[in-house]
Amino acid sequence: MSAPPTKFAVLLFPGFQALDVFGPLDVLNMLSRGRPFEFSVIAASRGPVPTRGLGSKQSIGQQIVATHTLQDAPEDIQVLLVPGGMGTRDTEARQPEIDFIRDRFPRLRFLLTVCTGAALAARAGVLDGRRATTNKASFDWVSRPRASVRLFGAGDDERHGLTWATNRSRQMAAKSSGCDRRGGSRTATCGRRRACRRVST
């Protein structure tokens, strides 16, 4: 069995969903106490990336500072997290991120998408012929451009467990259920014993 991955990155864009990013990152923060990780924040350009997208009606928002651009992102990323959010709806503006996913996917050990982040992976073509899931309210929109993407719902997610197997991708169903399904990614990245300990605490 290969060693658990230690090199993580998140792909951000204006209008990303805060929960989709901070939930998984909180788990990584805790796990990094016992295992050294490398972590990169990737965006179109360095600097603050806002949760408020262009034309957003939100009165408040937060920002995360990107450490790398799409052009100079580390070549050895093992796990890439792609969040959802209203920013995924502007697929024309997201084309650089879509191209990045398509380019990096063959070199990743795992691709994790949350909510409508699956739409970017679908448009990159990396979900063709694969089983995937997304925010159940967005099933049709996510799969429309790629008929070969086979989406299934949260109930199936529970039965199938979205095992890491050979498809090298993992999607989180519904808007906040990514928080409930992080246990599987914990197990894959840090081993079952440590993952269970974190879940129980």
N, C-alpha and C. Protein backbone atom coordinates (compact mmCIF):
# COMPACT_ATOMS: atom_id res chain seq x y z
N MET A 1 0.85 -1.19 0.00
CA MET A 1 0.00 0.00 0.00
C MET A 1 0.89 1.25 0.00
N SER A 2 0.59 2.20 -0.87
CA SER A 2 1.41 3.40 -0.97
C SER A 2 1.23 4.29 0.24
N ALA A 3 2.22 5.11 0.51
CA ALA A 3 2.17 6.02 1.65
C ALA A 3 1.05 7.04 1.45
N PRO A 4 0.39 7.47 2.53
CA PRO A 4 -0.66 8.48 2.40
C PRO A 4 -0.10 9.77 1.80
N PRO A 5 -0.92 10.51 1.05
CA PRO A 5 -0.44 11.76 0.44
C PRO A 5 -0.17 12.82 1.49
N THR A 6 0.74 13.71 1.17
CA THR A 6 1.10 14.80 2.09
C THR A 6 1.08 16.16 1.41
N LYS A 7 0.81 16.21 0.11
CA LYS A 7 0.88 17.47 -0.63
C LYS A 7 -0.50 17.82 -1.16
N PHE A 8 -1.10 18.82 -0.51
CA PHE A 8 -2.49 19.19 -0.78
C PHE A 8 -2.56 20.59 -1.40
N ALA A 9 -3.65 20.83 -2.12
CA ALA A 9 -3.89 22.16 -2.68
C ALA A 9 -5.39 22.38 -2.82
N VAL A 10 -5.80 23.63 -2.76
CA VAL A 10 -7.18 24.01 -3.02
C VAL A 10 -7.18 24.97 -4.20
N LEU A 11 -8.13 24.80 -5.09
CA LEU A 11 -8.27 25.66 -6.27
C LEU A 11 -9.39 26.65 -6.02
N LEU A 12 -9.04 27.94 -5.96
CA LEU A 12 -10.02 28.97 -5.63
C LEU A 12 -10.33 29.87 -6.81
N PHE A 13 -11.48 30.55 -6.72
CA PHE A 13 -11.96 31.49 -7.73
C PHE A 13 -12.93 32.42 -7.02
N PRO A 14 -13.15 33.63 -7.54
CA PRO A 14 -14.12 34.54 -6.92
C PRO A 14 -15.50 33.90 -6.87
N GLY A 15 -16.12 33.95 -5.70
CA GLY A 15 -17.44 33.35 -5.54
C GLY A 15 -17.40 31.91 -5.08
N PHE A 16 -16.27 31.46 -4.50
CA PHE A 16 -16.24 30.10 -3.95
C PHE A 16 -17.05 30.06 -2.66
N GLN A 17 -17.57 28.87 -2.33
CA GLN A 17 -18.37 28.69 -1.12
C GLN A 17 -17.44 28.49 0.07
N ALA A 18 -17.56 29.35 1.07
CA ALA A 18 -16.65 29.30 2.22
C ALA A 18 -16.68 27.94 2.91
N LEU A 19 -17.87 27.39 3.13
CA LEU A 19 -18.00 26.12 3.84
C LEU A 19 -17.26 25.00 3.11
N ASP A 20 -17.33 25.03 1.78
CA ASP A 20 -16.70 23.97 0.99
C ASP A 20 -15.19 23.94 1.16
N VAL A 21 -14.62 25.08 1.52
CA VAL A 21 -13.17 25.18 1.70
C VAL A 21 -12.79 25.01 3.16
N PHE A 22 -13.43 25.77 4.04
CA PHE A 22 -12.99 25.79 5.43
C PHE A 22 -13.32 24.50 6.17
N GLY A 23 -14.37 23.79 5.78
CA GLY A 23 -14.67 22.51 6.42
C GLY A 23 -13.54 21.51 6.22
N PRO A 24 -13.20 21.17 4.98
CA PRO A 24 -12.09 20.25 4.75
C PRO A 24 -10.76 20.75 5.30
N LEU A 25 -10.52 22.08 5.19
CA LEU A 25 -9.23 22.60 5.66
C LEU A 25 -9.10 22.49 7.17
N ASP A 26 -10.22 22.60 7.88
CA ASP A 26 -10.15 22.46 9.33
C ASP A 26 -9.68 21.06 9.71
N VAL A 27 -10.14 20.07 8.95
CA VAL A 27 -9.69 18.70 9.19
C VAL A 27 -8.20 18.57 8.92
N LEU A 28 -7.75 19.13 7.79
CA LEU A 28 -6.32 19.07 7.47
C LEU A 28 -5.49 19.76 8.54
N ASN A 29 -5.98 20.89 9.03
CA ASN A 29 -5.26 21.61 10.09
C ASN A 29 -5.04 20.71 11.30
N MET A 30 -6.09 19.99 11.70
CA MET A 30 -5.97 19.11 12.86
C MET A 30 -5.03 17.94 12.59
N LEU A 31 -5.17 17.35 11.41
CA LEU A 31 -4.34 16.20 11.08
C LEU A 31 -2.87 16.56 10.95
N SER A 32 -2.59 17.81 10.60
CA SER A 32 -1.20 18.23 10.42
C SER A 32 -0.43 18.29 11.73
N ARG A 33 -1.13 18.16 12.85
CA ARG A 33 -0.43 18.11 14.14
C ARG A 33 0.43 16.85 14.24
N GLY A 34 -0.03 15.79 13.58
CA GLY A 34 0.69 14.52 13.71
C GLY A 34 1.41 14.08 12.46
N ARG A 35 1.27 14.85 11.38
CA ARG A 35 1.91 14.47 10.11
C ARG A 35 2.24 15.74 9.34
N PRO A 36 3.45 15.89 8.85
CA PRO A 36 3.80 17.11 8.12
C PRO A 36 3.14 17.13 6.74
N PHE A 37 2.41 18.21 6.46
CA PHE A 37 1.75 18.40 5.18
C PHE A 37 2.33 19.61 4.46
N GLU A 38 2.20 19.62 3.15
CA GLU A 38 2.43 20.82 2.36
C GLU A 38 1.08 21.24 1.79
N PHE A 39 0.82 22.57 1.81
CA PHE A 39 -0.50 23.04 1.37
C PHE A 39 -0.36 24.29 0.53
N SER A 40 -1.04 24.31 -0.61
CA SER A 40 -0.99 25.45 -1.52
C SER A 40 -2.40 25.95 -1.80
N VAL A 41 -2.53 27.26 -1.94
CA VAL A 41 -3.78 27.89 -2.35
C VAL A 41 -3.56 28.41 -3.76
N ILE A 42 -4.30 27.88 -4.71
CA ILE A 42 -4.08 28.18 -6.12
C ILE A 42 -5.25 28.99 -6.67
N ALA A 43 -4.94 30.02 -7.44
CA ALA A 43 -5.97 30.85 -8.07
C ALA A 43 -5.39 31.44 -9.35
N ALA A 44 -6.22 32.17 -10.08
CA ALA A 44 -5.77 32.76 -11.35
C ALA A 44 -4.60 33.71 -11.13
N SER A 45 -4.60 34.39 -9.98
CA SER A 45 -3.50 35.30 -9.66
C SER A 45 -3.25 35.27 -8.17
N ARG A 46 -2.06 35.63 -7.75
CA ARG A 46 -1.74 35.69 -6.33
C ARG A 46 -2.52 36.82 -5.68
N GLY A 47 -2.75 36.69 -4.37
CA GLY A 47 -3.46 37.73 -3.65
C GLY A 47 -4.80 37.23 -3.15
N PRO A 48 -5.61 38.12 -2.57
CA PRO A 48 -6.88 37.73 -1.97
C PRO A 48 -7.88 37.22 -3.01
N VAL A 49 -8.54 36.12 -2.69
CA VAL A 49 -9.61 35.58 -3.52
C VAL A 49 -10.90 35.66 -2.71
N PRO A 50 -11.91 36.40 -3.17
CA PRO A 50 -13.10 36.65 -2.36
C PRO A 50 -14.18 35.58 -2.50
N THR A 51 -14.92 35.37 -1.42
CA THR A 51 -16.10 34.51 -1.50
C THR A 51 -17.22 35.20 -2.26
N ARG A 52 -17.16 36.50 -2.35
CA ARG A 52 -18.16 37.25 -3.13
C ARG A 52 -17.73 37.30 -4.58
N GLY A 53 -18.57 36.77 -5.46
CA GLY A 53 -18.26 36.80 -6.88
C GLY A 53 -18.66 38.13 -7.48
N LEU A 54 -18.30 38.32 -8.74
CA LEU A 54 -18.65 39.54 -9.46
C LEU A 54 -20.16 39.66 -9.53
N GLY A 55 -20.69 40.82 -9.12
CA GLY A 55 -22.12 41.04 -9.16
C GLY A 55 -22.88 40.39 -8.02
N SER A 56 -22.17 39.88 -7.02
CA SER A 56 -22.82 39.23 -5.89
C SER A 56 -23.64 40.22 -5.08
N LYS A 57 -24.78 39.76 -4.55
CA LYS A 57 -25.63 40.60 -3.71
C LYS A 57 -25.30 40.44 -2.23
N GLN A 58 -24.31 39.62 -1.92
CA GLN A 58 -23.91 39.47 -0.51
C GLN A 58 -23.40 40.80 0.03
N SER A 59 -23.77 41.11 1.27
CA SER A 59 -23.28 42.35 1.87
C SER A 59 -21.95 42.15 2.57
N ILE A 60 -21.59 40.90 2.85
CA ILE A 60 -20.29 40.61 3.45
C ILE A 60 -19.65 39.44 2.72
N GLY A 61 -18.37 39.24 2.97
CA GLY A 61 -17.65 38.12 2.38
C GLY A 61 -16.29 38.00 3.03
N GLN A 62 -15.60 36.94 2.71
CA GLN A 62 -14.25 36.73 3.23
C GLN A 62 -13.30 36.51 2.06
N GLN A 63 -12.02 36.51 2.38
CA GLN A 63 -11.01 36.31 1.35
C GLN A 63 -9.95 35.34 1.83
N ILE A 64 -9.40 34.58 0.92
CA ILE A 64 -8.24 33.74 1.18
C ILE A 64 -7.14 34.18 0.24
N VAL A 65 -5.93 34.28 0.76
CA VAL A 65 -4.81 34.74 -0.06
C VAL A 65 -4.21 33.57 -0.83
N ALA A 66 -4.20 33.68 -2.13
CA ALA A 66 -3.61 32.64 -2.98
C ALA A 66 -2.09 32.68 -2.88
N THR A 67 -1.50 31.51 -2.71
CA THR A 67 -0.03 31.41 -2.62
C THR A 67 0.61 31.11 -3.97
N HIS A 68 -0.20 30.60 -4.91
CA HIS A 68 0.31 30.24 -6.23
C HIS A 68 -0.72 30.58 -7.30
N THR A 69 -0.23 30.78 -8.51
CA THR A 69 -1.11 30.98 -9.65
C THR A 69 -1.31 29.66 -10.39
N LEU A 70 -2.19 29.68 -11.36
CA LEU A 70 -2.40 28.48 -12.17
C LEU A 70 -1.14 28.09 -12.93
N GLN A 71 -0.31 29.08 -13.20
CA GLN A 71 0.90 28.83 -13.98
C GLN A 71 2.06 28.32 -13.13
N ASP A 72 2.16 28.76 -11.87
CA ASP A 72 3.32 28.35 -11.07
C ASP A 72 2.96 27.44 -9.90
N ALA A 73 1.79 26.82 -9.97
CA ALA A 73 1.39 25.89 -8.91
C ALA A 73 2.37 24.72 -8.85
N PRO A 74 2.60 24.16 -7.66
CA PRO A 74 3.54 23.04 -7.53
C PRO A 74 3.18 21.89 -8.48
N GLU A 75 4.19 21.28 -9.03
CA GLU A 75 3.97 20.18 -9.97
C GLU A 75 3.63 18.87 -9.28
N ASP A 76 3.94 18.78 -7.98
CA ASP A 76 3.80 17.50 -7.29
C ASP A 76 2.58 17.44 -6.37
N ILE A 77 1.53 18.22 -6.67
CA ILE A 77 0.30 18.15 -5.87
C ILE A 77 -0.26 16.73 -5.95
N GLN A 78 -0.64 16.20 -4.79
CA GLN A 78 -1.19 14.85 -4.75
C GLN A 78 -2.71 14.85 -4.58
N VAL A 79 -3.22 15.82 -3.83
CA VAL A 79 -4.66 15.92 -3.58
C VAL A 79 -5.11 17.34 -3.89
N LEU A 80 -6.07 17.48 -4.81
CA LEU A 80 -6.59 18.79 -5.19
C LEU A 80 -8.04 18.90 -4.77
N LEU A 81 -8.36 19.93 -4.00
CA LEU A 81 -9.73 20.21 -3.56
C LEU A 81 -10.33 21.31 -4.42
N VAL A 82 -11.52 21.05 -4.96
CA VAL A 82 -12.22 22.04 -5.79
C VAL A 82 -13.57 22.33 -5.14
N PRO A 83 -13.76 23.53 -4.58
CA PRO A 83 -15.03 23.86 -3.93
C PRO A 83 -16.10 24.25 -4.93
N GLY A 84 -17.33 24.32 -4.43
CA GLY A 84 -18.42 24.86 -5.23
C GLY A 84 -18.62 26.34 -4.91
N GLY A 85 -19.82 26.81 -5.17
CA GLY A 85 -20.13 28.22 -4.94
C GLY A 85 -20.68 28.85 -6.20
N MET A 86 -21.23 30.05 -6.05
CA MET A 86 -21.83 30.73 -7.20
C MET A 86 -20.81 31.01 -8.30
N GLY A 87 -19.54 31.09 -7.94
CA GLY A 87 -18.51 31.33 -8.94
C GLY A 87 -18.40 30.23 -9.97
N THR A 88 -18.89 29.03 -9.65
CA THR A 88 -18.84 27.93 -10.63
C THR A 88 -19.85 28.13 -11.75
N ARG A 89 -20.85 28.99 -11.52
CA ARG A 89 -21.91 29.18 -12.51
C ARG A 89 -21.41 29.91 -13.75
N ASP A 90 -20.41 30.73 -13.58
CA ASP A 90 -19.85 31.46 -14.72
C ASP A 90 -18.77 30.60 -15.36
N THR A 91 -19.21 29.63 -16.15
CA THR A 91 -18.26 28.65 -16.68
C THR A 91 -17.29 29.26 -17.68
N GLU A 92 -17.69 30.34 -18.33
CA GLU A 92 -16.76 31.01 -19.25
C GLU A 92 -15.60 31.62 -18.47
N ALA A 93 -15.92 32.28 -17.35
CA ALA A 93 -14.87 32.87 -16.52
C ALA A 93 -14.03 31.80 -15.86
N ARG A 94 -14.60 30.63 -15.64
CA ARG A 94 -13.88 29.54 -14.96
C ARG A 94 -13.08 28.67 -15.92
N GLN A 95 -13.03 29.01 -17.17
CA GLN A 95 -12.32 28.17 -18.13
C GLN A 95 -10.85 27.93 -17.75
N PRO A 96 -10.12 28.95 -17.25
CA PRO A 96 -8.74 28.67 -16.83
C PRO A 96 -8.65 27.62 -15.73
N GLU A 97 -9.59 27.66 -14.77
CA GLU A 97 -9.60 26.65 -13.70
C GLU A 97 -9.96 25.27 -14.27
N ILE A 98 -10.91 25.24 -15.20
CA ILE A 98 -11.30 23.98 -15.84
C ILE A 98 -10.10 23.38 -16.57
N ASP A 99 -9.38 24.22 -17.28
CA ASP A 99 -8.19 23.74 -18.00
C ASP A 99 -7.13 23.22 -17.03
N PHE A 100 -7.01 23.88 -15.88
CA PHE A 100 -6.03 23.46 -14.87
C PHE A 100 -6.39 22.07 -14.35
N ILE A 101 -7.67 21.85 -14.06
CA ILE A 101 -8.10 20.54 -13.57
C ILE A 101 -7.81 19.46 -14.61
N ARG A 102 -8.12 19.75 -15.86
CA ARG A 102 -7.88 18.78 -16.93
C ARG A 102 -6.39 18.44 -17.05
N ASP A 103 -5.57 19.46 -16.94
CA ASP A 103 -4.12 19.26 -17.08
C ASP A 103 -3.54 18.48 -15.91
N ARG A 104 -4.01 18.77 -14.69
CA ARG A 104 -3.39 18.18 -13.51
C ARG A 104 -3.97 16.82 -13.12
N PHE A 105 -5.18 16.53 -13.56
CA PHE A 105 -5.85 15.31 -13.11
C PHE A 105 -5.02 14.04 -13.28
N PRO A 106 -4.36 13.83 -14.42
CA PRO A 106 -3.60 12.58 -14.57
C PRO A 106 -2.47 12.42 -13.57
N ARG A 107 -2.01 13.52 -12.99
CA ARG A 107 -0.88 13.45 -12.05
C ARG A 107 -1.33 13.42 -10.59
N LEU A 108 -2.62 13.62 -10.34
CA LEU A 108 -3.13 13.64 -8.97
C LEU A 108 -3.33 12.22 -8.46
N ARG A 109 -3.21 12.07 -7.15
CA ARG A 109 -3.64 10.82 -6.54
C ARG A 109 -5.13 10.87 -6.26
N PHE A 110 -5.61 12.05 -5.83
CA PHE A 110 -7.04 12.21 -5.57
C PHE A 110 -7.51 13.59 -5.98
N LEU A 111 -8.69 13.64 -6.57
CA LEU A 111 -9.39 14.90 -6.83
C LEU A 111 -10.62 14.90 -5.96
N LEU A 112 -10.76 15.92 -5.10
CA LEU A 112 -11.93 16.04 -4.25
C LEU A 112 -12.71 17.27 -4.69
N THR A 113 -14.01 17.08 -4.99
CA THR A 113 -14.85 18.22 -5.29
C THR A 113 -15.96 18.28 -4.26
N VAL A 114 -16.39 19.48 -3.93
CA VAL A 114 -17.48 19.67 -2.99
C VAL A 114 -18.58 20.44 -3.72
N CYS A 115 -19.82 19.99 -3.55
CA CYS A 115 -20.98 20.69 -4.10
C CYS A 115 -20.80 20.89 -5.61
N THR A 116 -21.01 22.11 -6.10
CA THR A 116 -20.94 22.35 -7.54
C THR A 116 -19.51 22.46 -8.06
N GLY A 117 -18.53 22.23 -7.21
CA GLY A 117 -17.17 22.10 -7.71
C GLY A 117 -17.09 20.94 -8.69
N ALA A 118 -18.03 19.98 -8.56
CA ALA A 118 -18.09 18.86 -9.50
C ALA A 118 -18.36 19.33 -10.92
N ALA A 119 -19.03 20.49 -11.06
CA ALA A 119 -19.32 21.02 -12.40
C ALA A 119 -18.03 21.36 -13.14
N LEU A 120 -17.05 21.90 -12.42
CA LEU A 120 -15.79 22.25 -13.07
C LEU A 120 -15.05 20.98 -13.50
N ALA A 121 -15.09 19.96 -12.63
CA ALA A 121 -14.45 18.69 -12.99
C ALA A 121 -15.16 18.05 -14.18
N ALA A 122 -16.50 18.14 -14.20
CA ALA A 122 -17.26 17.57 -15.32
C ALA A 122 -16.92 18.27 -16.62
N ARG A 123 -16.83 19.59 -16.58
CA ARG A 123 -16.51 20.34 -17.79
C ARG A 123 -15.07 20.13 -18.24
N ALA A 124 -14.24 19.73 -17.30
CA ALA A 124 -12.86 19.39 -17.67
C ALA A 124 -12.77 18.03 -18.35
N GLY A 125 -13.87 17.27 -18.27
CA GLY A 125 -13.90 15.95 -18.90
C GLY A 125 -13.33 14.83 -18.06
N VAL A 126 -12.94 15.12 -16.82
CA VAL A 126 -12.28 14.09 -16.02
C VAL A 126 -13.27 13.16 -15.33
N LEU A 127 -14.57 13.47 -15.42
CA LEU A 127 -15.59 12.61 -14.82
C LEU A 127 -16.29 11.75 -15.86
N ASP A 128 -15.91 11.87 -17.11
CA ASP A 128 -16.57 11.10 -18.17
C ASP A 128 -16.54 9.61 -17.86
N GLY A 129 -17.73 8.99 -17.85
CA GLY A 129 -17.82 7.56 -17.60
C GLY A 129 -17.65 7.17 -16.15
N ARG A 130 -17.54 8.14 -15.26
CA ARG A 130 -17.32 7.85 -13.85
C ARG A 130 -18.60 8.11 -13.05
N ARG A 131 -18.69 7.47 -11.89
CA ARG A 131 -19.79 7.75 -10.96
C ARG A 131 -19.38 8.94 -10.11
N ALA A 132 -20.27 9.90 -10.01
CA ALA A 132 -19.97 11.12 -9.26
C ALA A 132 -21.26 11.64 -8.65
N THR A 133 -21.14 12.58 -7.74
CA THR A 133 -22.33 13.21 -7.18
C THR A 133 -22.03 14.67 -6.92
N THR A 134 -23.07 15.43 -6.59
CA THR A 134 -22.94 16.87 -6.40
C THR A 134 -24.13 17.35 -5.58
N ASN A 135 -24.25 18.64 -5.41
CA ASN A 135 -25.43 19.23 -4.79
C ASN A 135 -26.66 18.73 -5.55
N LYS A 136 -27.58 18.07 -4.83
CA LYS A 136 -28.70 17.42 -5.52
C LYS A 136 -29.58 18.41 -6.28
N ALA A 137 -29.58 19.68 -5.86
CA ALA A 137 -30.37 20.68 -6.57
C ALA A 137 -29.73 21.06 -7.90
N SER A 138 -28.49 20.65 -8.11
CA SER A 138 -27.75 21.06 -9.31
C SER A 138 -27.40 19.89 -10.23
N PHE A 139 -28.01 18.72 -9.99
CA PHE A 139 -27.66 17.53 -10.79
C PHE A 139 -27.71 17.81 -12.29
N ASP A 140 -28.85 18.35 -12.75
CA ASP A 140 -29.03 18.54 -14.19
C ASP A 140 -28.01 19.51 -14.75
N TRP A 141 -27.79 20.61 -14.03
CA TRP A 141 -26.86 21.62 -14.53
C TRP A 141 -25.44 21.08 -14.60
N VAL A 142 -25.04 20.32 -13.60
CA VAL A 142 -23.67 19.79 -13.58
C VAL A 142 -23.44 18.81 -14.72
N SER A 143 -24.41 17.94 -14.97
CA SER A 143 -24.20 16.87 -15.95
C SER A 143 -24.59 17.26 -17.37
N ARG A 144 -25.29 18.35 -17.55
CA ARG A 144 -25.81 18.71 -18.88
C ARG A 144 -24.75 18.74 -19.97
N PRO A 145 -23.60 19.39 -19.75
CA PRO A 145 -22.62 19.45 -20.84
C PRO A 145 -21.88 18.14 -21.10
N ARG A 146 -21.94 17.20 -20.17
CA ARG A 146 -21.19 15.95 -20.31
C ARG A 146 -22.14 14.79 -20.02
N ALA A 147 -22.79 14.30 -21.04
CA ALA A 147 -23.81 13.28 -20.86
C ALA A 147 -23.26 12.00 -20.26
N SER A 148 -21.95 11.76 -20.38
CA SER A 148 -21.39 10.51 -19.89
C SER A 148 -21.06 10.54 -18.40
N VAL A 149 -21.27 11.69 -17.74
CA VAL A 149 -21.08 11.75 -16.29
C VAL A 149 -22.30 11.12 -15.63
N ARG A 150 -22.10 10.12 -14.78
CA ARG A 150 -23.21 9.42 -14.14
C ARG A 150 -23.35 9.89 -12.70
N LEU A 151 -24.32 10.78 -12.47
CA LEU A 151 -24.52 11.32 -11.13
C LEU A 151 -25.47 10.44 -10.34
N PHE A 152 -25.22 10.34 -9.05
CA PHE A 152 -26.14 9.63 -8.17
C PHE A 152 -26.28 10.41 -6.89
N GLY A 153 -27.35 10.11 -6.12
CA GLY A 153 -27.72 10.95 -4.99
C GLY A 153 -27.09 10.56 -3.68
N ALA A 154 -27.47 11.31 -2.64
CA ALA A 154 -26.87 11.13 -1.32
C ALA A 154 -27.14 9.74 -0.77
N GLY A 155 -28.33 9.17 -1.07
CA GLY A 155 -28.63 7.83 -0.59
C GLY A 155 -27.66 6.81 -1.14
N ASP A 156 -27.37 6.91 -2.43
CA ASP A 156 -26.40 6.02 -3.05
C ASP A 156 -25.01 6.27 -2.50
N ASP A 157 -24.73 7.53 -2.18
CA ASP A 157 -23.43 7.87 -1.61
C ASP A 157 -23.20 7.08 -0.33
N GLU A 158 -24.26 6.95 0.48
CA GLU A 158 -24.13 6.21 1.72
C GLU A 158 -23.89 4.72 1.43
N ARG A 159 -24.60 4.18 0.44
CA ARG A 159 -24.47 2.74 0.18
C ARG A 159 -23.13 2.40 -0.46
N HIS A 160 -22.72 3.21 -1.41
CA HIS A 160 -21.49 2.90 -2.13
C HIS A 160 -20.25 3.41 -1.42
N GLY A 161 -20.44 4.40 -0.54
CA GLY A 161 -19.32 4.89 0.25
C GLY A 161 -18.30 5.68 -0.54
N LEU A 162 -18.52 5.85 -1.83
CA LEU A 162 -17.57 6.59 -2.67
C LEU A 162 -16.13 6.15 -2.38
N THR A 163 -15.88 4.87 -2.50
CA THR A 163 -14.54 4.37 -2.23
C THR A 163 -13.54 4.97 -3.21
N TRP A 164 -12.30 5.02 -2.76
CA TRP A 164 -11.28 5.69 -3.57
C TRP A 164 -10.89 4.85 -4.77
N ALA A 165 -10.96 3.55 -4.69
CA ALA A 165 -10.79 2.63 -5.80
C ALA A 165 -9.85 3.16 -6.88
N THR A 166 -10.25 3.01 -8.14
CA THR A 166 -9.36 3.39 -9.24
C THR A 166 -9.77 4.66 -9.95
N ASN A 167 -10.93 5.24 -9.56
CA ASN A 167 -11.38 6.39 -10.33
C ASN A 167 -10.67 7.68 -9.96
N ARG A 168 -9.94 7.68 -8.85
CA ARG A 168 -9.09 8.80 -8.46
C ARG A 168 -9.86 10.11 -8.32
N SER A 169 -11.15 10.03 -8.06
CA SER A 169 -11.93 11.24 -7.82
C SER A 169 -12.95 10.96 -6.74
N ARG A 170 -13.33 12.01 -6.03
CA ARG A 170 -14.32 11.85 -4.97
C ARG A 170 -15.15 13.12 -4.92
N GLN A 171 -16.47 12.97 -4.91
CA GLN A 171 -17.35 14.13 -4.84
C GLN A 171 -18.18 14.05 -3.58
N MET A 172 -18.51 15.20 -3.03
CA MET A 172 -19.29 15.25 -1.81
C MET A 172 -20.72 15.67 -2.15
N ALA A 173 -21.71 14.90 -1.68
CA ALA A 173 -23.10 15.17 -2.04
C ALA A 173 -23.69 16.27 -1.16
N ALA A 174 -24.58 17.05 -1.76
CA ALA A 174 -25.33 18.10 -1.08
C ALA A 174 -24.43 19.23 -0.59
N LYS A 175 -25.05 20.28 -0.11
CA LYS A 175 -24.27 21.49 0.17
C LYS A 175 -23.37 21.33 1.38
N SER A 176 -23.88 20.80 2.47
CA SER A 176 -23.05 20.72 3.67
C SER A 176 -22.64 19.30 4.01
N SER A 177 -23.10 18.31 3.25
CA SER A 177 -22.79 16.94 3.62
C SER A 177 -21.33 16.60 3.38
N GLY A 178 -20.61 17.47 2.69
CA GLY A 178 -19.17 17.25 2.56
C GLY A 178 -18.52 17.18 3.93
N CYS A 179 -19.08 17.91 4.89
CA CYS A 179 -18.53 17.88 6.25
C CYS A 179 -18.73 16.50 6.86
N ASP A 180 -19.84 15.83 6.53
CA ASP A 180 -20.11 14.51 7.09
C ASP A 180 -19.30 13.42 6.41
N ARG A 181 -18.83 13.69 5.19
CA ARG A 181 -18.18 12.65 4.41
C ARG A 181 -16.68 12.82 4.35
N ARG A 182 -16.14 13.65 5.22
CA ARG A 182 -14.70 13.83 5.20
C ARG A 182 -13.97 12.64 5.80
N GLY A 183 -14.72 11.78 6.52
CA GLY A 183 -14.07 10.63 7.15
C GLY A 183 -13.36 9.76 6.15
N GLY A 184 -13.97 9.56 4.98
CA GLY A 184 -13.33 8.74 3.96
C GLY A 184 -12.03 9.33 3.48
N SER A 185 -12.02 10.65 3.27
CA SER A 185 -10.78 11.27 2.81
C SER A 185 -9.74 11.28 3.91
N ARG A 186 -10.18 11.39 5.16
CA ARG A 186 -9.23 11.30 6.28
C ARG A 186 -8.54 9.93 6.25
N THR A 187 -9.36 8.89 6.09
CA THR A 187 -8.81 7.55 6.11
C THR A 187 -7.79 7.36 4.99
N ALA A 188 -8.11 7.87 3.81
CA ALA A 188 -7.21 7.70 2.67
C ALA A 188 -5.92 8.47 2.84
N THR A 189 -5.99 9.63 3.49
CA THR A 189 -4.80 10.46 3.58
C THR A 189 -3.96 10.18 4.82
N CYS A 190 -4.59 9.73 5.89
CA CYS A 190 -3.85 9.61 7.15
C CYS A 190 -3.98 8.25 7.82
N GLY A 191 -4.69 7.32 7.23
CA GLY A 191 -4.83 6.02 7.84
C GLY A 191 -6.09 5.93 8.69
N ARG A 192 -6.67 4.74 8.77
CA ARG A 192 -7.95 4.57 9.45
C ARG A 192 -7.88 4.89 10.93
N ARG A 193 -6.82 4.48 11.62
CA ARG A 193 -6.76 4.69 13.06
C ARG A 193 -6.79 6.17 13.40
N ARG A 194 -5.96 6.96 12.73
CA ARG A 194 -5.91 8.39 13.02
C ARG A 194 -7.21 9.07 12.59
N ALA A 195 -7.78 8.64 11.46
CA ALA A 195 -9.03 9.24 11.00
C ALA A 195 -10.14 8.99 12.01
N CYS A 196 -10.24 7.76 12.50
CA CYS A 196 -11.29 7.44 13.47
C CYS A 196 -11.11 8.22 14.76
N ARG A 197 -9.86 8.42 15.17
CA ARG A 197 -9.61 9.18 16.38
C ARG A 197 -10.09 10.61 16.22
N ARG A 198 -9.86 11.21 15.05
CA ARG A 198 -10.31 12.58 14.81
C ARG A 198 -11.82 12.67 14.77
N VAL A 199 -12.47 11.65 14.16
CA VAL A 199 -13.93 11.66 14.09
C VAL A 199 -14.52 11.57 15.48
N SER A 200 -13.96 10.71 16.33
CA SER A 200 -14.52 10.49 17.65
C SER A 200 -14.33 11.67 18.58
N THR A 201 -13.39 12.58 18.25
CA THR A 201 -13.17 13.73 19.11
C THR A 201 -13.89 14.95 18.57
